[in-house]
Protein backbone atom coordinates (compact mmCIF):
# COMPACT_ATOMS: atom_id res chain seq x y z
CA UNK A 1 0.00 0.00 0.00
CA UNK A 2 2.83 2.31 0.88
CA UNK A 3 4.45 1.66 -2.49
CA UNK A 4 1.14 2.46 -4.17
CA UNK A 5 1.04 5.92 -2.54
CA UNK A 6 4.66 6.54 -3.49
CA UNK A 7 3.91 5.69 -7.11
CA UNK A 8 0.84 7.93 -7.12
CA UNK A 9 2.88 10.79 -5.61
CA UNK A 10 5.54 10.42 -8.28
CA UNK A 11 2.94 10.57 -11.04
CA UNK A 12 1.35 13.71 -9.57
CA UNK A 13 4.75 15.36 -9.11
CA UNK A 14 5.75 14.50 -12.68
CA UNK A 15 2.53 15.97 -14.02
CA UNK A 16 3.05 19.21 -12.11
CA UNK A 17 6.63 19.50 -13.36
CA UNK A 18 5.40 18.86 -16.90
CA UNK A 19 2.85 21.67 -16.62
CA UNK A 20 5.48 24.07 -15.29
CA UNK A 21 7.87 23.09 -18.09
CA UNK A 22 5.18 23.51 -20.75
CA UNK A 23 4.15 26.90 -19.39
CA UNK A 24 7.72 28.19 -19.27
CA UNK A 25 8.80 27.10 -22.74
CA UNK A 26 5.63 27.28 -24.76
CA UNK A 27 3.53 30.05 -23.24
CA UNK A 28 3.78 33.22 -25.35
CA UNK A 29 4.10 35.41 -22.24
CA UNK A 30 7.46 33.89 -21.39
CA UNK A 31 10.36 36.22 -22.25
CA UNK A 32 12.43 33.53 -23.93
CA UNK A 33 9.50 32.33 -26.01
CA UNK A 34 8.56 35.89 -27.00
CA UNK A 35 12.09 36.60 -28.19
CA UNK A 36 12.00 33.53 -30.39
CA UNK A 37 8.67 34.54 -31.90
CA UNK A 38 9.92 38.06 -32.59
CA UNK A 39 13.04 36.82 -34.36
CA UNK A 40 11.20 34.39 -36.63
CA UNK A 41 9.81 36.19 -39.70
CA UNK A 42 7.83 34.57 -42.48
CA UNK A 43 7.79 37.64 -44.73
CA UNK A 44 10.07 40.52 -45.66
CA UNK A 45 7.41 42.36 -47.63
CA UNK A 46 7.66 45.46 -45.42
CA UNK A 47 11.38 45.84 -46.11
CA UNK A 48 10.86 45.25 -49.83
CA UNK A 49 7.95 47.68 -50.14
CA UNK A 50 10.07 50.29 -48.36
CA UNK A 51 13.16 49.91 -50.57
CA UNK A 52 11.89 48.74 -53.97
CA UNK A 53 10.42 52.07 -55.20
CA UNK A 54 13.97 53.50 -55.12
CA UNK A 55 15.40 50.66 -57.25
CA UNK A 56 15.24 51.43 -60.99
CA UNK A 57 15.91 49.62 -64.24
CA UNK A 58 18.75 51.12 -66.27
CA UNK A 59 18.82 51.00 -70.08
CA UNK A 60 21.95 52.45 -71.66
CA UNK A 61 23.02 52.78 -75.27
CA UNK A 62 26.80 52.47 -75.37
CA UNK A 63 29.14 53.20 -78.27
CA UNK A 64 31.43 50.20 -78.84
CA UNK A 65 34.41 50.39 -81.18
CA UNK A 66 35.41 47.18 -82.96
CA UNK A 67 38.12 46.60 -85.55
CA UNK A 68 36.81 46.46 -89.11
CA UNK A 69 37.23 43.26 -91.07
CA UNK A 70 38.15 43.49 -94.80
CA UNK A 71 34.72 42.20 -95.85
CA UNK A 72 32.92 45.08 -94.15
CA UNK A 73 34.00 47.75 -96.60
CA UNK A 74 35.68 51.11 -96.05
CA UNK A 75 33.22 52.70 -93.65
CA UNK A 76 35.91 53.98 -91.29
CA UNK A 77 39.14 55.69 -92.31
CA UNK A 78 40.72 54.48 -89.07
CA UNK A 79 39.78 50.85 -89.63
CA UNK A 80 37.19 50.70 -86.83
CA UNK A 81 33.41 50.38 -86.69
CA UNK A 82 31.32 52.16 -84.13
CA UNK A 83 28.43 50.04 -82.95
CA UNK A 84 25.65 50.79 -80.51
CA UNK A 85 25.09 48.20 -77.79
CA UNK A 86 22.17 48.27 -75.39
CA UNK A 87 23.05 47.39 -71.81
CA UNK A 88 20.55 46.40 -69.13
CA UNK A 89 21.13 46.83 -65.43
CA UNK A 90 19.81 48.33 -62.24
CA UNK A 91 20.31 51.45 -60.15
CA UNK A 92 19.37 52.94 -56.79
CA UNK A 93 17.89 56.42 -56.24
CA UNK A 94 19.77 58.07 -53.39
CA UNK A 95 18.01 61.43 -53.18
CA UNK A 96 14.58 62.86 -53.91
CA UNK A 97 16.06 65.17 -56.57
CA UNK A 98 17.07 62.21 -58.71
CA UNK A 99 20.69 61.18 -58.07
CA UNK A 100 21.11 57.51 -59.00
CA UNK A 101 23.96 55.15 -58.12
CA UNK A 102 24.77 52.24 -60.42
CA UNK A 103 27.76 50.30 -61.72
CA UNK A 104 30.16 51.87 -64.19
CA UNK A 105 30.04 48.79 -66.42
CA UNK A 106 26.25 49.22 -66.74
CA UNK A 107 26.56 52.66 -68.35
CA UNK A 108 30.00 52.29 -69.95
CA UNK A 109 32.55 55.05 -70.51
CA UNK A 110 30.68 56.72 -73.34
CA UNK A 111 26.90 56.42 -73.60
CA UNK A 112 24.56 57.92 -76.15
CA UNK A 113 21.61 57.74 -73.82
CA UNK A 114 20.84 56.31 -70.38
CA UNK A 115 17.21 55.81 -69.32
CA UNK A 116 16.03 55.07 -65.79
CA UNK A 117 12.69 53.28 -65.45
CA UNK A 118 10.95 53.49 -62.07
CA UNK A 119 8.79 50.79 -60.57
CA UNK A 120 5.65 52.75 -61.42
CA UNK A 121 6.55 52.66 -65.13
CA UNK A 122 7.81 56.24 -65.49
CA UNK A 123 10.92 56.61 -67.63
CA UNK A 124 13.43 59.45 -67.42
CA UNK A 125 16.51 60.39 -69.42
CA UNK A 126 19.56 60.81 -67.18
CA UNK A 127 22.90 62.53 -67.49
CA UNK A 128 26.19 60.97 -66.40
CA UNK A 129 27.62 62.88 -63.43
CA UNK A 130 30.79 60.82 -63.06
CA UNK A 131 32.32 57.34 -63.11
CA UNK A 132 34.96 55.60 -61.02
CA UNK A 133 36.61 52.60 -62.67
CA UNK A 134 38.42 51.71 -59.46
CA UNK A 135 35.21 50.74 -57.66
CA UNK A 136 33.05 50.22 -60.78
CA UNK A 137 30.59 52.89 -59.64
CA UNK A 138 28.77 55.60 -61.58
CA UNK A 139 26.44 58.43 -60.57
CA UNK A 140 23.55 59.52 -62.80
CA UNK A 141 21.16 62.45 -62.43
CA UNK A 142 17.60 62.40 -63.72
CA UNK A 143 17.20 65.38 -66.03
CA UNK A 144 13.66 66.27 -64.94
CA UNK A 145 14.29 68.94 -62.28
CA UNK A 146 10.64 69.41 -61.31
CA UNK A 147 9.77 65.84 -60.29
CA UNK A 148 10.54 64.28 -56.92
CA UNK A 149 11.58 60.67 -56.55
CA UNK A 150 11.49 57.92 -53.92
CA UNK A 151 14.89 57.48 -52.28
CA UNK A 152 16.38 54.66 -50.25
CA UNK A 153 17.49 54.78 -46.62
CA UNK A 154 21.20 53.99 -46.24
CA UNK A 155 22.69 51.89 -43.45
CA UNK A 156 26.33 51.86 -42.27
CA UNK A 157 27.73 48.75 -43.96
CA UNK A 158 30.53 48.59 -41.37
CA UNK A 159 27.86 47.25 -38.98
CA UNK A 160 27.08 44.26 -41.22
CA UNK A 161 28.09 40.84 -39.88
CA UNK A 162 28.50 37.42 -41.46
CA UNK A 163 25.19 35.58 -41.14
CA UNK A 164 22.96 38.66 -41.44
CA UNK A 165 19.93 38.12 -43.67
CA UNK A 166 19.96 40.29 -46.82
CA UNK A 167 17.73 40.87 -49.84
CA UNK A 168 18.91 41.65 -53.38
CA UNK A 169 16.64 43.80 -55.57
CA UNK A 170 17.29 44.33 -59.27
CA UNK A 171 16.40 43.62 -62.89
CA UNK A 172 17.85 40.16 -63.71
CA UNK A 173 18.00 39.37 -67.43
CA UNK A 174 15.74 42.36 -68.09
CA UNK A 175 12.72 40.51 -66.71
CA UNK A 176 11.74 43.37 -64.42
CA UNK A 177 12.22 44.02 -60.75
CA UNK A 178 12.86 40.84 -58.76
CA UNK A 179 13.93 40.02 -55.20
CA UNK A 180 16.13 37.23 -53.84
CA UNK A 181 17.11 36.40 -50.28
CA UNK A 182 20.27 35.11 -48.63
CA UNK A 183 22.83 35.91 -45.97
CA UNK A 184 26.12 37.78 -45.78
CA UNK A 185 28.65 35.02 -46.48
CA UNK A 186 31.80 37.09 -45.92
CA UNK A 187 33.03 40.68 -45.67
CA UNK A 188 36.20 42.40 -46.85
CA UNK A 189 36.53 40.47 -50.13
CA UNK A 190 39.11 42.05 -52.44
CA UNK A 191 38.62 39.99 -55.65
CA UNK A 192 41.50 41.54 -57.60
CA UNK A 193 40.33 45.06 -56.78
CA UNK A 194 42.17 46.92 -54.00
CA UNK A 195 39.37 49.52 -53.83
CA UNK A 196 36.50 47.08 -53.43
CA UNK A 197 36.25 45.53 -49.95
CA UNK A 198 33.19 43.64 -51.21
CA UNK A 199 30.38 42.10 -49.20
CA UNK A 200 29.86 38.49 -50.29
CA UNK A 201 26.34 37.05 -50.30
CA UNK A 202 24.58 33.88 -51.41
CA UNK A 203 21.46 35.84 -52.39
CA UNK A 204 20.90 35.13 -56.09
CA UNK A 205 22.51 37.83 -58.24
CA UNK A 206 22.32 37.43 -62.01
CA UNK A 207 23.09 39.46 -65.11
CA UNK A 208 21.02 42.61 -64.95
CA UNK A 209 21.21 42.79 -61.15
CA UNK A 210 24.37 44.92 -61.45
CA UNK A 211 23.85 48.30 -59.83
CA UNK A 212 20.85 47.09 -57.83
CA UNK A 213 20.31 47.23 -54.09
CA UNK A 214 21.44 44.84 -51.39
CA UNK A 215 19.29 45.68 -48.37
CA UNK A 216 18.88 44.52 -44.78
CA UNK A 217 15.63 43.24 -43.31
CA UNK A 218 14.66 46.80 -42.39
CA UNK A 219 14.80 47.90 -46.04
CA UNK A 220 18.03 49.90 -45.71
CA UNK A 221 20.77 49.90 -48.34
CA UNK A 222 23.95 48.11 -47.30
CA UNK A 223 25.50 47.47 -50.70
CA UNK A 224 25.39 47.82 -54.49
CA UNK A 225 25.22 44.44 -56.26
CA UNK A 226 28.15 44.29 -58.66
CA UNK A 227 29.68 40.90 -59.48
CA UNK A 228 29.07 37.17 -59.48
CA UNK A 229 31.62 34.39 -59.38
CA UNK A 230 30.26 31.86 -61.81
CA UNK A 231 31.43 29.15 -64.20
CA UNK A 232 28.09 29.14 -66.05
CA UNK A 233 27.28 32.85 -66.23
CA UNK A 234 24.38 32.45 -63.81
CA UNK A 235 24.10 32.68 -60.05
CA UNK A 236 26.01 30.03 -58.13
CA UNK A 237 25.66 31.51 -54.67
CA UNK A 238 28.69 33.81 -54.77
CA UNK A 239 27.63 37.40 -55.30
CA UNK A 240 29.67 40.50 -54.48
CA UNK A 241 28.34 43.91 -53.48
CA UNK A 242 30.11 47.22 -52.94
CA UNK A 243 29.52 48.31 -49.30
CA UNK A 244 27.28 51.35 -48.84
CA UNK A 245 29.88 53.16 -46.70
CA UNK A 246 32.43 53.01 -49.51
CA UNK A 247 29.81 53.96 -52.09
CA UNK A 248 28.86 57.13 -50.19
CA UNK A 249 32.47 58.29 -50.17
CA UNK A 250 32.74 57.73 -53.92
CA UNK A 251 29.44 59.51 -54.60
CA UNK A 252 30.53 62.58 -52.69
CA UNK A 253 33.64 63.00 -54.85
CA UNK A 254 31.83 62.25 -58.12
CA UNK A 255 29.12 64.83 -57.46
CA UNK A 256 31.55 67.46 -56.20
CA UNK A 257 34.47 66.96 -58.60
CA UNK A 258 33.27 64.58 -61.34
CA UNK A 259 36.08 62.21 -60.32
CA UNK A 260 37.36 60.39 -57.25
CA UNK A 261 40.34 62.04 -55.58
CA UNK A 262 42.42 59.35 -53.90
CA UNK A 263 45.52 59.63 -51.81
CA UNK A 264 48.72 57.81 -52.76
CA UNK A 265 50.67 56.24 -49.90
CA UNK A 266 53.55 54.76 -51.86
CA UNK A 267 53.95 51.27 -50.39
CA UNK A 268 52.62 47.75 -50.87
CA UNK A 269 52.38 44.66 -48.67
CA UNK A 270 53.23 40.96 -48.96
CA UNK A 271 49.78 39.44 -49.44
CA UNK A 272 50.99 35.83 -49.29
CA UNK A 273 52.58 36.40 -45.89
CA UNK A 274 49.37 38.01 -44.70
CA UNK A 275 47.36 34.97 -45.79
CA UNK A 276 49.80 32.41 -44.39
CA UNK A 277 50.96 34.05 -41.17
CA UNK A 278 48.61 36.94 -40.53
CA UNK A 279 51.51 39.41 -40.58
CA UNK A 280 51.45 42.60 -42.66
CA UNK A 281 54.97 42.94 -44.02
CA UNK A 282 56.03 45.78 -46.33
CA UNK A 283 57.07 44.32 -49.67
CA UNK A 284 57.83 47.51 -51.59
CA UNK A 285 58.29 51.22 -50.89
CA UNK A 286 58.15 53.67 -53.80
CA UNK A 287 61.27 55.79 -54.15
CA UNK A 288 60.61 59.39 -53.07
CA UNK A 289 57.00 58.45 -52.32
CA UNK A 290 55.07 59.58 -49.22
CA UNK A 291 55.89 56.45 -47.18
CA UNK A 292 59.56 56.61 -48.14
CA UNK A 293 59.71 60.24 -47.04
CA UNK A 294 58.16 59.18 -43.72
CA UNK A 295 60.89 56.56 -43.11
CA UNK A 296 59.10 53.32 -44.05
CA UNK A 297 61.34 50.53 -45.36
CA UNK A 298 60.96 47.19 -47.08
CA UNK A 299 60.42 44.24 -44.62
CA UNK A 300 59.04 46.51 -41.88
CA UNK A 301 56.15 44.81 -40.05
CA UNK A 302 53.00 46.87 -39.49
CA UNK A 303 51.70 46.89 -35.92
CA UNK A 304 49.02 49.57 -36.22
CA UNK A 305 47.53 51.88 -38.85
CA UNK A 306 46.14 55.24 -37.71
CA UNK A 307 46.13 53.96 -34.11
CA UNK A 308 44.10 50.85 -35.04
CA UNK A 309 45.46 47.30 -34.93
CA UNK A 310 47.03 46.40 -38.27
CA UNK A 311 44.61 44.25 -40.27
CA UNK A 312 43.64 44.04 -43.91
CA UNK A 313 40.41 45.95 -43.21
CA UNK A 314 42.18 48.81 -41.43
CA UNK A 315 44.92 48.95 -44.02
CA UNK A 316 42.24 49.03 -46.71
CA UNK A 317 40.73 52.11 -45.08
CA UNK A 318 44.12 53.81 -45.17
CA UNK A 319 44.71 52.91 -48.82
CA UNK A 320 41.30 53.31 -50.40
CA UNK A 321 39.77 56.02 -48.24
CA UNK A 322 42.71 58.39 -47.90
CA UNK A 323 42.62 61.76 -49.64
CA UNK A 324 45.54 63.92 -50.78
CA UNK A 325 46.83 65.80 -47.75
CA UNK A 326 45.64 63.23 -45.16
CA UNK A 327 48.22 62.36 -42.52
CA UNK A 328 48.83 58.62 -42.07
CA UNK A 329 50.25 57.20 -38.82
CA UNK A 330 52.00 53.83 -38.73
CA UNK A 331 53.49 51.85 -35.89
CA UNK A 332 56.03 49.36 -37.22
CA UNK A 333 58.49 46.77 -35.97
CA UNK A 334 61.95 46.79 -37.54
CA UNK A 335 64.08 44.01 -36.13
CA UNK A 336 63.85 44.51 -32.36
CA UNK A 337 62.82 48.16 -32.66
CA UNK A 338 59.31 49.58 -32.49
CA UNK A 339 58.94 52.85 -34.39
CA UNK A 340 56.15 55.38 -34.94
CA UNK A 341 56.08 56.93 -38.41
CA UNK A 342 53.93 59.64 -39.99
CA UNK A 343 53.63 60.87 -43.56
CA UNK A 344 51.22 62.80 -45.75
CA UNK A 345 49.27 61.12 -48.58
CA UNK A 346 49.88 62.58 -52.02
CA UNK A 347 47.55 62.75 -55.03
CA UNK A 348 47.28 59.47 -56.91
CA UNK A 349 48.10 59.63 -60.62
C-alpha cells in the first residue's frame, strides 16, 4: 500500500513538473519564447515595399568600337566600326532630386543615352555625373528637375556581420524588378580590386542585377550588387556587393568633382605572408613616395595603422579612403625596434 502511494505521488509530481515546463517554454508570455517569436519572420514584404520604389531599371546605349574586317568595306578611315550596344542593369535612387547610383560597367565610358525606369513605369533620361573605374561605380542624375523621386534609406555597412539576412533587388536578365534572399557570407573580399572591400552574399545575383540594391531586413541599403563568381554565367551563390559606406564616399567625390580624388601612400604589402601568417609585411616602398619620405622601409612589419590594430580591413581604409593631404600614422616593428612613423598622402596619378 505504501508503495502504491509513493507511485501515485511520483505521477502527480511529474505531471506538475510537466505543466510548469510547458508553461515556461511554450507560453507566449514567457520572455524567452517571445524573443524567439519576434526573431522568426515569415515575410520581408515590409522591407521590400520600403526599398523597392527606389530601385530602378537602367537601359543604356553604349558606343562600342570594334576593328573592321576586310569584308565590311571602307566605312571607317581608321579601320574601326562604331556600334551601338544596349546594356541592361539596375540602379538605386539616393536622393529625392534624382541622383542615382549604379555600376560603371552598366553605363560604360561613353553612352549615347541612359534611361532610368521606375517601378511605377515612369521613364526618365539621365545625365552621367561621373564614373569611377576603381570601384566600378557611376552616378547619374535624372534630367527632370521638377519631379521628386522615392529614395532609399542607407545603413552603415561597417555594422554588417556574417550571417545577417539580406535581400537583393534588381532587374535580372531584363525581366523586371525581382527580389532574392540570402545571408552575408563574408566581408572584406578584395577579388583583384584593392578599392572594393566587397560584401559576399549567397542571395541570387544574375546578369542585370548589377547596380541594384542589397538591403537589410529593415529595407536599408547596405551594398550595391556588382559581381558574381560563376562558371556558367548564372548565379552560383557567390555574389559580391560594394559596401554602402564606400559607395557614399565615392558619390561625394563624383558629385563634387566629377572624379574620385584618392591619396597615394607609396607602399605595398606581402599578401601571401598576410594569408599564411597573418603578418602585414612591407614588400615595396616607392622611391621618393610619401611612405619613403616618412621613413618606411621594405620588410618593416606593421603593428598599427592610424592607431588601429594592423589588419587588412584597417589597411584598406588607409589605402582606399585616404585623400591627398591626409596624414597617415603607422606603428612598425623593424628588427627589435618599435617605431612610430607619420607621412602625408599625395595625389594618386
